[in-house]
């Protein structure tokens, strides 16, 4: 089949089919086929929200997701370690305390980042499905500064401050 005939077939595919074929071509490093498919993708003009708004809302959504993952991961591991310690495994006490330190640092970092972003920390926590008031402000002062900085850097990398 000649290239012009193939291109006509690409134009008859749905956007989902075209996207699937581009991925397949890219996985084979077949740049010419990928380009040929992309040339046949219908072009549309859209009215969209401001680019800065769109970037920020995507970044805040990523922040919500990352915070939620870190929160529930550390809470779960801390509770598992506490359960093992309660059952008499004295070796589990140290990991439980390490995870508690991570939880405190995580909470301190999300408060810091939200303050910098001028975003309500309770809204972020609610969106992440996390409790709003499980850590008291005075407990945050006890957070390990180095861990807080690591979490702050991670969150700040998601949202350009």
C-alpha atoms as a PDB file:
ATOM      1  CA  UNK A   1       0.000   0.000   0.000  1.00  0.00           C
ATOM      2  CA  UNK A   2       1.308   3.456  -0.868  1.00  0.00           C
ATOM      3  CA  UNK A   3       1.956   6.012   1.901  1.00  0.00           C
ATOM      4  CA  UNK A   4      -0.879   8.242   0.679  1.00  0.00           C
ATOM      5  CA  UNK A   5      -3.335   5.338   0.940  1.00  0.00           C
ATOM      6  CA  UNK A   6      -2.134   4.519   4.466  1.00  0.00           C
ATOM      7  CA  UNK A   7      -2.488   8.179   5.488  1.00  0.00           C
ATOM      8  CA  UNK A   8      -6.102   8.154   4.287  1.00  0.00           C
ATOM      9  CA  UNK A   9      -6.741   5.142   6.531  1.00  0.00           C
ATOM     10  CA  UNK A  10      -5.173   6.919   9.515  1.00  0.00           C
ATOM     11  CA  UNK A  11      -7.594   9.817   8.969  1.00  0.00           C
ATOM     12  CA  UNK A  12     -10.580   7.449   9.274  1.00  0.00           C
ATOM     13  CA  UNK A  13      -9.546   6.181  12.705  1.00  0.00           C
ATOM     14  CA  UNK A  14     -10.945   7.545  15.939  1.00  0.00           C
ATOM     15  CA  UNK A  15      -8.663   9.734  18.088  1.00  0.00           C
ATOM     16  CA  UNK A  16      -8.322   6.849  20.564  1.00  0.00           C
ATOM     17  CA  UNK A  17      -7.249   4.489  17.787  1.00  0.00           C
ATOM     18  CA  UNK A  18      -4.810   7.067  16.441  1.00  0.00           C
ATOM     19  CA  UNK A  19      -3.313   7.563  19.898  1.00  0.00           C
ATOM     20  CA  UNK A  20      -2.883   3.807  20.341  1.00  0.00           C
ATOM     21  CA  UNK A  21      -1.091   3.547  16.989  1.00  0.00           C
ATOM     22  CA  UNK A  22       1.201   6.479  17.821  1.00  0.00           C
ATOM     23  CA  UNK A  23       2.191   4.762  21.079  1.00  0.00           C
ATOM     24  CA  UNK A  24       2.915   1.548  19.176  1.00  0.00           C
ATOM     25  CA  UNK A  25       4.985   3.429  16.562  1.00  0.00           C
ATOM     26  CA  UNK A  26       6.870   5.320  19.277  1.00  0.00           C
ATOM     27  CA  UNK A  27       7.633   2.061  21.099  1.00  0.00           C
ATOM     28  CA  UNK A  28       9.238   0.807  17.869  1.00  0.00           C
ATOM     29  CA  UNK A  29      11.063   4.150  17.447  1.00  0.00           C
ATOM     30  CA  UNK A  30       9.271   4.514  14.105  1.00  0.00           C
ATOM     31  CA  UNK A  31       9.244   8.299  13.964  1.00  0.00           C
ATOM     32  CA  UNK A  32       7.999   8.496  10.380  1.00  0.00           C
ATOM     33  CA  UNK A  33       4.900   6.406  11.086  1.00  0.00           C
ATOM     34  CA  UNK A  34       4.190   8.336  14.279  1.00  0.00           C
ATOM     35  CA  UNK A  35       4.483  11.601  12.342  1.00  0.00           C
ATOM     36  CA  UNK A  36       2.212  10.262   9.582  1.00  0.00           C
ATOM     37  CA  UNK A  37      -0.455   9.312  12.106  1.00  0.00           C
ATOM     38  CA  UNK A  38      -0.200  12.617  13.965  1.00  0.00           C
ATOM     39  CA  UNK A  39      -0.595  14.524  10.690  1.00  0.00           C
ATOM     40  CA  UNK A  40      -3.986  12.869  10.246  1.00  0.00           C
ATOM     41  CA  UNK A  41      -5.283  13.737  13.722  1.00  0.00           C
ATOM     42  CA  UNK A  42      -8.111  16.236  13.411  1.00  0.00           C
ATOM     43  CA  UNK A  43      -7.207  19.713  14.623  1.00  0.00           C
ATOM     44  CA  UNK A  44      -9.596  21.657  16.838  1.00  0.00           C
ATOM     45  CA  UNK A  45      -9.547  25.123  18.340  1.00  0.00           C
ATOM     46  CA  UNK A  46     -10.558  25.344  21.977  1.00  0.00           C
ATOM     47  CA  UNK A  47     -11.246  28.042  24.465  1.00  0.00           C
ATOM     48  CA  UNK A  48      -9.500  27.021  27.656  1.00  0.00           C
ATOM     49  CA  UNK A  49      -8.894  28.331  31.120  1.00  0.00           C
ATOM     50  CA  UNK A  50      -5.836  30.469  31.681  1.00  0.00           C
ATOM     51  CA  UNK A  51      -2.630  28.423  31.373  1.00  0.00           C
ATOM     52  CA  UNK A  52      -1.370  29.561  34.799  1.00  0.00           C
ATOM     53  CA  UNK A  53      -4.627  28.433  36.407  1.00  0.00           C
ATOM     54  CA  UNK A  54      -4.482  25.088  34.609  1.00  0.00           C
ATOM     55  CA  UNK A  55      -0.863  24.469  35.649  1.00  0.00           C
ATOM     56  CA  UNK A  56      -1.617  25.431  39.255  1.00  0.00           C
ATOM     57  CA  UNK A  57      -4.751  23.300  39.554  1.00  0.00           C
ATOM     58  CA  UNK A  58      -2.881  20.282  38.161  1.00  0.00           C
ATOM     59  CA  UNK A  59       0.005  20.933  40.542  1.00  0.00           C
ATOM     60  CA  UNK A  60      -2.338  21.269  43.528  1.00  0.00           C
ATOM     61  CA  UNK A  61      -4.026  18.024  42.526  1.00  0.00           C
ATOM     62  CA  UNK A  62      -0.612  16.352  42.432  1.00  0.00           C
ATOM     63  CA  UNK A  63       0.125  17.829  45.870  1.00  0.00           C
ATOM     64  CA  UNK A  64      -3.132  16.399  47.232  1.00  0.00           C
ATOM     65  CA  UNK A  65      -2.279  12.981  45.807  1.00  0.00           C
ATOM     66  CA  UNK A  66       1.314  12.932  47.035  1.00  0.00           C
ATOM     67  CA  UNK A  67       0.358  14.175  50.492  1.00  0.00           C
ATOM     68  CA  UNK A  68      -2.389  11.544  50.763  1.00  0.00           C
ATOM     69  CA  UNK A  69      -0.073   8.744  49.692  1.00  0.00           C
ATOM     70  CA  UNK A  70       2.629   9.785  52.167  1.00  0.00           C
ATOM     71  CA  UNK A  71       0.116  10.331  54.963  1.00  0.00           C
ATOM     72  CA  UNK A  72      -1.610   6.975  54.676  1.00  0.00           C
ATOM     73  CA  UNK A  73       1.611   5.061  54.019  1.00  0.00           C
ATOM     74  CA  UNK A  74       3.316   6.436  57.132  1.00  0.00           C
ATOM     75  CA  UNK A  75       0.204   6.157  59.307  1.00  0.00           C
ATOM     76  CA  UNK A  76      -0.342   2.550  58.271  1.00  0.00           C
ATOM     77  CA  UNK A  77       3.275   1.564  58.855  1.00  0.00           C
ATOM     78  CA  UNK A  78       3.284   3.359  62.213  1.00  0.00           C
ATOM     79  CA  UNK A  79       0.106   1.575  63.331  1.00  0.00           C
ATOM     80  CA  UNK A  80       1.426  -1.801  62.193  1.00  0.00           C
ATOM     81  CA  UNK A  81       4.637  -1.242  64.129  1.00  0.00           C
ATOM     82  CA  UNK A  82       2.616  -0.157  67.198  1.00  0.00           C
ATOM     83  CA  UNK A  83       0.489  -3.287  66.939  1.00  0.00           C
ATOM     84  CA  UNK A  84       3.605  -5.474  66.843  1.00  0.00           C
ATOM     85  CA  UNK A  85       5.021  -3.578  69.820  1.00  0.00           C
ATOM     86  CA  UNK A  86       1.739  -4.063  71.732  1.00  0.00           C
ATOM     87  CA  UNK A  87       1.991  -7.792  71.036  1.00  0.00           C
ATOM     88  CA  UNK A  88       5.348  -7.866  72.800  1.00  0.00           C
ATOM     89  CA  UNK A  89       7.772  -7.352  69.925  1.00  0.00           C
ATOM     90  CA  UNK A  90      10.151  -4.817  71.475  1.00  0.00           C
ATOM     91  CA  UNK A  91      12.022  -4.479  68.168  1.00  0.00           C
ATOM     92  CA  UNK A  92       8.921  -2.809  66.721  1.00  0.00           C
ATOM     93  CA  UNK A  93       9.070   0.204  69.039  1.00  0.00           C
ATOM     94  CA  UNK A  94      11.921   1.935  67.177  1.00  0.00           C
ATOM     95  CA  UNK A  95      10.218   1.694  63.755  1.00  0.00           C
ATOM     96  CA  UNK A  96       6.963   2.948  65.298  1.00  0.00           C
ATOM     97  CA  UNK A  97       8.788   6.009  66.614  1.00  0.00           C
ATOM     98  CA  UNK A  98      10.487   6.578  63.231  1.00  0.00           C
ATOM     99  CA  UNK A  99       7.111   6.522  61.473  1.00  0.00           C
ATOM    100  CA  UNK A 100       5.681   8.870  64.096  1.00  0.00           C
ATOM    101  CA  UNK A 101       8.565  11.249  63.364  1.00  0.00           C
ATOM    102  CA  UNK A 102       7.752  11.031  59.645  1.00  0.00           C
ATOM    103  CA  UNK A 103       4.073  11.741  60.302  1.00  0.00           C
ATOM    104  CA  UNK A 104       4.940  14.824  62.354  1.00  0.00           C
ATOM    105  CA  UNK A 105       7.387  16.039  59.695  1.00  0.00           C
ATOM    106  CA  UNK A 106       4.853  15.411  56.946  1.00  0.00           C
ATOM    107  CA  UNK A 107       2.226  17.437  58.786  1.00  0.00           C
ATOM    108  CA  UNK A 108       4.643  20.279  59.463  1.00  0.00           C
ATOM    109  CA  UNK A 109       5.738  20.306  55.808  1.00  0.00           C
ATOM    110  CA  UNK A 110       2.206  20.391  54.371  1.00  0.00           C
ATOM    111  CA  UNK A 111       1.324  23.294  56.670  1.00  0.00           C
ATOM    112  CA  UNK A 112       4.479  25.153  55.573  1.00  0.00           C
ATOM    113  CA  UNK A 113       3.896  24.558  51.865  1.00  0.00           C
ATOM    114  CA  UNK A 114       0.211  25.479  52.060  1.00  0.00           C
ATOM    115  CA  UNK A 115       1.101  28.700  53.882  1.00  0.00           C
ATOM    116  CA  UNK A 116       3.600  29.578  51.149  1.00  0.00           C
ATOM    117  CA  UNK A 117       1.049  28.805  48.450  1.00  0.00           C
ATOM    118  CA  UNK A 118      -1.728  30.645  50.293  1.00  0.00           C
ATOM    119  CA  UNK A 119      -3.843  27.492  50.102  1.00  0.00           C
ATOM    120  CA  UNK A 120      -6.049  26.234  52.928  1.00  0.00           C
ATOM    121  CA  UNK A 121      -4.256  23.224  54.440  1.00  0.00           C
ATOM    122  CA  UNK A 122      -7.589  21.813  55.626  1.00  0.00           C
ATOM    123  CA  UNK A 123      -8.844  21.791  52.023  1.00  0.00           C
ATOM    124  CA  UNK A 124      -5.749  19.860  50.909  1.00  0.00           C
ATOM    125  CA  UNK A 125      -6.151  17.377  53.770  1.00  0.00           C
ATOM    126  CA  UNK A 126      -9.857  16.951  53.044  1.00  0.00           C
ATOM    127  CA  UNK A 127      -9.209  16.370  49.337  1.00  0.00           C
ATOM    128  CA  UNK A 128      -6.595  13.744  50.283  1.00  0.00           C
ATOM    129  CA  UNK A 129      -9.083  11.977  52.553  1.00  0.00           C
ATOM    130  CA  UNK A 130      -6.997  12.692  55.645  1.00  0.00           C
ATOM    131  CA  UNK A 131      -8.155  13.774  59.104  1.00  0.00           C
ATOM    132  CA  UNK A 132      -8.027  17.531  59.634  1.00  0.00           C
ATOM    133  CA  UNK A 133      -7.019  17.841  63.261  1.00  0.00           C
ATOM    134  CA  UNK A 134      -5.170  14.681  64.243  1.00  0.00           C
ATOM    135  CA  UNK A 135      -1.918  16.558  64.951  1.00  0.00           C
ATOM    136  CA  UNK A 136      -1.914  19.476  67.359  1.00  0.00           C
ATOM    137  CA  UNK A 137       0.137  22.602  66.461  1.00  0.00           C
ATOM    138  CA  UNK A 138       2.360  22.179  69.532  1.00  0.00           C
ATOM    139  CA  UNK A 139       3.281  18.660  68.351  1.00  0.00           C
ATOM    140  CA  UNK A 140       4.437  20.072  64.999  1.00  0.00           C
ATOM    141  CA  UNK A 141       7.127  22.048  66.820  1.00  0.00           C
ATOM    142  CA  UNK A 142       8.698  18.716  67.814  1.00  0.00           C
ATOM    143  CA  UNK A 143       9.093  17.618  64.174  1.00  0.00           C
ATOM    144  CA  UNK A 144      12.556  16.659  62.931  1.00  0.00           C
ATOM    145  CA  UNK A 145      13.810  19.682  60.962  1.00  0.00           C
ATOM    146  CA  UNK A 146      15.662  17.564  58.399  1.00  0.00           C
ATOM    147  CA  UNK A 147      12.610  15.395  57.685  1.00  0.00           C
ATOM    148  CA  UNK A 148      10.408  18.477  57.448  1.00  0.00           C
ATOM    149  CA  UNK A 149      12.805  19.929  54.871  1.00  0.00           C
ATOM    150  CA  UNK A 150      12.735  16.710  52.827  1.00  0.00           C
ATOM    151  CA  UNK A 151       8.942  16.696  52.702  1.00  0.00           C
ATOM    152  CA  UNK A 152       8.804  20.443  52.061  1.00  0.00           C
ATOM    153  CA  UNK A 153      11.207  20.039  49.133  1.00  0.00           C
ATOM    154  CA  UNK A 154       9.168  17.144  47.756  1.00  0.00           C
ATOM    155  CA  UNK A 155       5.900  19.099  47.962  1.00  0.00           C
ATOM    156  CA  UNK A 156       7.478  22.293  46.653  1.00  0.00           C
ATOM    157  CA  UNK A 157       8.785  20.383  43.642  1.00  0.00           C
ATOM    158  CA  UNK A 158       5.212  19.510  42.715  1.00  0.00           C
ATOM    159  CA  UNK A 159       3.961  23.091  42.919  1.00  0.00           C
ATOM    160  CA  UNK A 160       6.175  25.950  41.788  1.00  0.00           C
ATOM    161  CA  UNK A 161       6.224  28.304  44.741  1.00  0.00           C
END
